[in-house]
Amino acid sequence: MSIHAQIVDDLISREIGFITTVPCKQLAGVIAEIEDRDGIRHVPANKEDEGMGLCAGAWLGGVRPCIIMQNTALGVTINALATLIQFYRMPLPMLISYRGEVGEPVACQVEMAVHTKALLSQLHIQTYHFHRREDAEELPRILDHTFMSSKPVAILTDATFWGDY
């Protein structure tokens, strides 16, 4: 089974019924897998902060949400994370491609990698970093944790995790 199928299976097994995505080359396989599945509503977003609003609406409508995005746009989500998602105690798994780490082929992606973990830490968002495929075995427990605690959680996936993406 591909890592993309495994991740989507884990999302489905945890009753996530709404996913919003912003295009990302590293996450393209996961996004394609979501598109091929029944039972998940996929709504692409133009920007990550827009995706936060879509996820909040899904949660308030009784559907478990997830956002799939790049770390390079984390900055535009800070207001939505703090004043909407966190203030109203909405659980939100965020599957985030961690662009700019070792193995990153695009030099301009490196700058945001310097700030990503610090920003998440400042917001008190639990962060998990997947470097190896085996790390994804923890995804179901991480998803359970975010819905149990009613908090957002960041799952960072770097270039070494995706391999030849």
C-alpha atoms as a PDB file:
ATOM      1  CA  MET A   1       0.000   0.000   0.000  1.00  0.00           C
ATOM      2  CA  SER A   2       1.306   3.456  -0.831  1.00  0.00           C
ATOM      3  CA  ILE A   3       1.976   5.984   1.913  1.00  0.00           C
ATOM      4  CA  HIS A   4      -0.682   8.196   0.311  1.00  0.00           C
ATOM      5  CA  ALA A   5      -3.332   5.469   0.610  1.00  0.00           C
ATOM      6  CA  GLN A   6      -2.224   4.691   4.164  1.00  0.00           C
ATOM      7  CA  ILE A   7      -2.631   8.320   5.234  1.00  0.00           C
ATOM      8  CA  VAL A   8      -6.076   8.613   3.651  1.00  0.00           C
ATOM      9  CA  ASP A   9      -7.124   5.273   5.184  1.00  0.00           C
ATOM     10  CA  ASP A  10      -6.088   6.624   8.586  1.00  0.00           C
ATOM     11  CA  LEU A  11      -8.094   9.819   8.044  1.00  0.00           C
ATOM     12  CA  ILE A  12     -11.168   7.822   7.039  1.00  0.00           C
ATOM     13  CA  SER A  13     -10.758   5.373   9.945  1.00  0.00           C
ATOM     14  CA  ARG A  14     -10.901   8.351  12.324  1.00  0.00           C
ATOM     15  CA  GLU A  15     -14.154   9.557  10.712  1.00  0.00           C
ATOM     16  CA  ILE A  16     -12.701  12.634   9.055  1.00  0.00           C
ATOM     17  CA  GLY A  17     -15.352  13.555   6.515  1.00  0.00           C
ATOM     18  CA  PHE A  18     -14.140  16.951   5.273  1.00  0.00           C
ATOM     19  CA  ILE A  19     -10.716  17.840   3.924  1.00  0.00           C
ATOM     20  CA  THR A  20      -9.560  21.091   2.446  1.00  0.00           C
ATOM     21  CA  THR A  21      -6.276  21.335   0.607  1.00  0.00           C
ATOM     22  CA  VAL A  22      -3.965  23.898  -0.905  1.00  0.00           C
ATOM     23  CA  PRO A  23      -1.789  22.619  -3.778  1.00  0.00           C
ATOM     24  CA  CYS A  24       1.610  21.216  -2.862  1.00  0.00           C
ATOM     25  CA  LYS A  25       3.924  19.035  -4.905  1.00  0.00           C
ATOM     26  CA  GLN A  26       4.936  16.959  -1.861  1.00  0.00           C
ATOM     27  CA  LEU A  27       1.304  16.334  -0.891  1.00  0.00           C
ATOM     28  CA  ALA A  28       0.017  15.783  -4.441  1.00  0.00           C
ATOM     29  CA  GLY A  29      -0.218  12.006  -3.964  1.00  0.00           C
ATOM     30  CA  VAL A  30      -2.336  12.373  -0.821  1.00  0.00           C
ATOM     31  CA  ILE A  31      -4.570  14.934  -2.530  1.00  0.00           C
ATOM     32  CA  ALA A  32      -5.037  12.629  -5.539  1.00  0.00           C
ATOM     33  CA  GLU A  33      -5.893   9.755  -3.202  1.00  0.00           C
ATOM     34  CA  ILE A  34      -8.505  11.907  -1.445  1.00  0.00           C
ATOM     35  CA  GLU A  35     -10.044  12.772  -4.806  1.00  0.00           C
ATOM     36  CA  ASP A  36     -10.396   9.065  -5.613  1.00  0.00           C
ATOM     37  CA  ARG A  37     -12.212   8.208  -2.372  1.00  0.00           C
ATOM     38  CA  ASP A  38     -15.906   8.188  -1.621  1.00  0.00           C
ATOM     39  CA  GLY A  39     -17.085   9.363   1.765  1.00  0.00           C
ATOM     40  CA  ILE A  40     -14.780  12.355   2.102  1.00  0.00           C
ATOM     41  CA  ARG A  41     -15.831  15.782   0.969  1.00  0.00           C
ATOM     42  CA  HIS A  42     -12.817  17.516  -0.552  1.00  0.00           C
ATOM     43  CA  VAL A  43     -12.960  21.267  -1.035  1.00  0.00           C
ATOM     44  CA  PRO A  44      -9.768  22.839  -2.390  1.00  0.00           C
ATOM     45  CA  ALA A  45      -8.967  26.236  -0.874  1.00  0.00           C
ATOM     46  CA  ASN A  46      -7.305  29.229  -2.491  1.00  0.00           C
ATOM     47  CA  LYS A  47      -5.362  30.090   0.671  1.00  0.00           C
ATOM     48  CA  GLU A  48      -4.636  28.333   3.949  1.00  0.00           C
ATOM     49  CA  ASP A  49      -6.535  30.836   6.110  1.00  0.00           C
ATOM     50  CA  GLU A  50      -9.586  30.287   3.912  1.00  0.00           C
ATOM     51  CA  GLY A  51      -9.118  26.572   4.544  1.00  0.00           C
ATOM     52  CA  MET A  52      -9.213  27.202   8.305  1.00  0.00           C
ATOM     53  CA  GLY A  53     -12.611  28.841   7.889  1.00  0.00           C
ATOM     54  CA  LEU A  54     -13.861  25.935   5.798  1.00  0.00           C
ATOM     55  CA  CYS A  55     -12.707  23.484   8.462  1.00  0.00           C
ATOM     56  CA  ALA A  56     -14.402  25.509  11.203  1.00  0.00           C
ATOM     57  CA  GLY A  57     -17.642  25.417   9.222  1.00  0.00           C
ATOM     58  CA  ALA A  58     -17.368  21.662   8.765  1.00  0.00           C
ATOM     59  CA  TRP A  59     -16.759  21.151  12.500  1.00  0.00           C
ATOM     60  CA  LEU A  60     -19.700  23.361  13.440  1.00  0.00           C
ATOM     61  CA  GLY A  61     -21.773  21.366  10.956  1.00  0.00           C
ATOM     62  CA  GLY A  62     -20.917  18.119  12.744  1.00  0.00           C
ATOM     63  CA  VAL A  63     -18.192  16.807  10.425  1.00  0.00           C
ATOM     64  CA  ARG A  64     -14.609  16.105  11.465  1.00  0.00           C
ATOM     65  CA  PRO A  65     -12.246  18.263   9.361  1.00  0.00           C
ATOM     66  CA  CYS A  66      -8.619  18.184   8.271  1.00  0.00           C
ATOM     67  CA  ILE A  67      -6.494  20.699   6.375  1.00  0.00           C
ATOM     68  CA  ILE A  68      -3.612  19.722   4.103  1.00  0.00           C
ATOM     69  CA  MET A  69      -1.174  22.560   3.409  1.00  0.00           C
ATOM     70  CA  GLN A  70       2.438  23.756   3.140  1.00  0.00           C
ATOM     71  CA  ASN A  71       4.374  25.298   6.004  1.00  0.00           C
ATOM     72  CA  THR A  72       5.334  28.196   3.738  1.00  0.00           C
ATOM     73  CA  ALA A  73       1.888  29.726   4.269  1.00  0.00           C
ATOM     74  CA  LEU A  74       1.664  29.095   8.007  1.00  0.00           C
ATOM     75  CA  GLY A  75       2.028  32.821   8.592  1.00  0.00           C
ATOM     76  CA  VAL A  76      -1.274  33.616   6.879  1.00  0.00           C
ATOM     77  CA  THR A  77      -3.111  31.164   9.138  1.00  0.00           C
ATOM     78  CA  ILE A  78      -2.027  32.542  12.514  1.00  0.00           C
ATOM     79  CA  ASN A  79      -5.014  34.830  13.041  1.00  0.00           C
ATOM     80  CA  ALA A  80      -7.503  32.130  12.028  1.00  0.00           C
ATOM     81  CA  LEU A  81      -5.744  29.576  14.218  1.00  0.00           C
ATOM     82  CA  ALA A  82      -5.675  31.788  17.311  1.00  0.00           C
ATOM     83  CA  THR A  83      -8.996  33.617  17.095  1.00  0.00           C
ATOM     84  CA  LEU A  84     -11.149  30.912  15.516  1.00  0.00           C
ATOM     85  CA  ILE A  85      -9.768  27.388  15.834  1.00  0.00           C
ATOM     86  CA  GLN A  86      -8.107  27.713  19.239  1.00  0.00           C
ATOM     87  CA  PHE A  87     -10.502  30.224  20.814  1.00  0.00           C
ATOM     88  CA  TYR A  88     -13.506  28.023  20.059  1.00  0.00           C
ATOM     89  CA  ARG A  89     -11.609  24.811  20.925  1.00  0.00           C
ATOM     90  CA  MET A  90     -11.975  23.183  17.552  1.00  0.00           C
ATOM     91  CA  PRO A  91      -9.921  20.075  16.889  1.00  0.00           C
ATOM     92  CA  LEU A  92      -8.055  20.386  13.618  1.00  0.00           C
ATOM     93  CA  PRO A  93      -5.457  17.985  12.265  1.00  0.00           C
ATOM     94  CA  MET A  94      -3.124  19.883   9.961  1.00  0.00           C
ATOM     95  CA  LEU A  95      -1.084  17.691   7.614  1.00  0.00           C
ATOM     96  CA  ILE A  96       1.681  20.078   6.621  1.00  0.00           C
ATOM     97  CA  SER A  97       4.455  19.577   4.108  1.00  0.00           C
ATOM     98  CA  TYR A  98       7.540  20.893   5.872  1.00  0.00           C
ATOM     99  CA  ARG A  99       9.243  22.556   2.955  1.00  0.00           C
ATOM    100  CA  GLY A 100      12.794  23.807   3.360  1.00  0.00           C
ATOM    101  CA  GLU A 101      14.293  20.968   5.399  1.00  0.00           C
ATOM    102  CA  VAL A 102      17.160  18.669   4.445  1.00  0.00           C
ATOM    103  CA  GLY A 103      16.302  17.088   1.116  1.00  0.00           C
ATOM    104  CA  GLU A 104      14.293  20.091  -0.101  1.00  0.00           C
ATOM    105  CA  PRO A 105      15.121  20.702  -3.779  1.00  0.00           C
ATOM    106  CA  VAL A 106      13.787  24.299  -3.920  1.00  0.00           C
ATOM    107  CA  ALA A 107      16.080  26.846  -2.239  1.00  0.00           C
ATOM    108  CA  CYS A 108      13.446  29.544  -1.661  1.00  0.00           C
ATOM    109  CA  GLN A 109      11.465  27.125   0.554  1.00  0.00           C
ATOM    110  CA  VAL A 110      14.224  27.101   3.181  1.00  0.00           C
ATOM    111  CA  GLU A 111      13.405  30.451   4.771  1.00  0.00           C
ATOM    112  CA  MET A 112      10.023  29.474   6.254  1.00  0.00           C
ATOM    113  CA  ALA A 113      11.451  26.228   7.620  1.00  0.00           C
ATOM    114  CA  VAL A 114      13.523  28.391   9.962  1.00  0.00           C
ATOM    115  CA  HIS A 115      10.314  29.800  11.506  1.00  0.00           C
ATOM    116  CA  THR A 116       7.721  27.026  11.272  1.00  0.00           C
ATOM    117  CA  LYS A 117       8.336  25.152  14.521  1.00  0.00           C
ATOM    118  CA  ALA A 118       8.831  28.370  16.492  1.00  0.00           C
ATOM    119  CA  LEU A 119       5.496  29.745  15.261  1.00  0.00           C
ATOM    120  CA  LEU A 120       3.678  26.521  16.127  1.00  0.00           C
ATOM    121  CA  SER A 121       5.355  26.482  19.536  1.00  0.00           C
ATOM    122  CA  GLN A 122       4.382  30.110  20.188  1.00  0.00           C
ATOM    123  CA  LEU A 123       0.768  29.161  19.437  1.00  0.00           C
ATOM    124  CA  HIS A 124       1.072  26.133  21.788  1.00  0.00           C
ATOM    125  CA  ILE A 125       0.156  23.740  18.985  1.00  0.00           C
ATOM    126  CA  GLN A 126       1.435  20.214  19.464  1.00  0.00           C
ATOM    127  CA  THR A 127       3.699  19.322  16.579  1.00  0.00           C
ATOM    128  CA  TYR A 128       4.800  15.960  15.246  1.00  0.00           C
ATOM    129  CA  HIS A 129       7.512  15.647  12.604  1.00  0.00           C
ATOM    130  CA  PHE A 130       7.487  12.710  10.197  1.00  0.00           C
ATOM    131  CA  HIS A 131      10.949  11.998   8.762  1.00  0.00           C
ATOM    132  CA  ARG A 132      10.572   8.296   7.909  1.00  0.00           C
ATOM    133  CA  ARG A 133       7.650   6.299   6.523  1.00  0.00           C
ATOM    134  CA  GLU A 134       7.414   4.390   9.809  1.00  0.00           C
ATOM    135  CA  ASP A 135       6.575   7.673  11.573  1.00  0.00           C
ATOM    136  CA  ALA A 136       3.179   7.616   9.844  1.00  0.00           C
ATOM    137  CA  GLU A 137       2.205   4.626  11.990  1.00  0.00           C
ATOM    138  CA  GLU A 138       1.506   7.181  14.747  1.00  0.00           C
ATOM    139  CA  LEU A 139      -1.032   9.094  12.656  1.00  0.00           C
ATOM    140  CA  PRO A 140      -4.159   7.317  13.998  1.00  0.00           C
ATOM    141  CA  ARG A 141      -3.143   8.057  17.605  1.00  0.00           C
ATOM    142  CA  ILE A 142      -2.338  11.668  16.754  1.00  0.00           C
ATOM    143  CA  LEU A 143      -5.765  12.053  15.142  1.00  0.00           C
ATOM    144  CA  ASP A 144      -7.445  10.502  18.184  1.00  0.00           C
ATOM    145  CA  HIS A 145      -5.532  12.919  20.396  1.00  0.00           C
ATOM    146  CA  THR A 146      -6.579  16.051  18.536  1.00  0.00           C
ATOM    147  CA  PHE A 147     -10.273  15.131  18.640  1.00  0.00           C
ATOM    148  CA  MET A 148     -10.086  14.055  22.293  1.00  0.00           C
ATOM    149  CA  SER A 149      -8.368  17.280  23.348  1.00  0.00           C
ATOM    150  CA  SER A 150     -10.300  19.638  21.036  1.00  0.00           C
ATOM    151  CA  LYS A 151      -7.093  21.275  19.859  1.00  0.00           C
ATOM    152  CA  PRO A 152      -5.323  21.720  16.552  1.00  0.00           C
ATOM    153  CA  VAL A 153      -2.304  19.543  15.891  1.00  0.00           C
ATOM    154  CA  ALA A 154       0.444  19.950  13.285  1.00  0.00           C
ATOM    155  CA  ILE A 155       1.864  16.921  11.492  1.00  0.00           C
ATOM    156  CA  LEU A 156       4.955  18.050   9.602  1.00  0.00           C
ATOM    157  CA  THR A 157       6.119  15.855   6.730  1.00  0.00           C
ATOM    158  CA  ASP A 158       9.480  16.684   5.220  1.00  0.00           C
ATOM    159  CA  ALA A 159      11.137  15.809   1.923  1.00  0.00           C
ATOM    160  CA  THR A 160      12.877  12.759   3.391  1.00  0.00           C
ATOM    161  CA  PHE A 161       9.478  11.384   4.454  1.00  0.00           C
ATOM    162  CA  TRP A 162       8.095  11.673   0.917  1.00  0.00           C
ATOM    163  CA  GLY A 163      11.263  10.439  -0.785  1.00  0.00           C
ATOM    164  CA  ASP A 164      11.074  10.911  -4.535  1.00  0.00           C
ATOM    165  CA  TYR A 165       7.987  13.106  -4.708  1.00  0.00           C
END
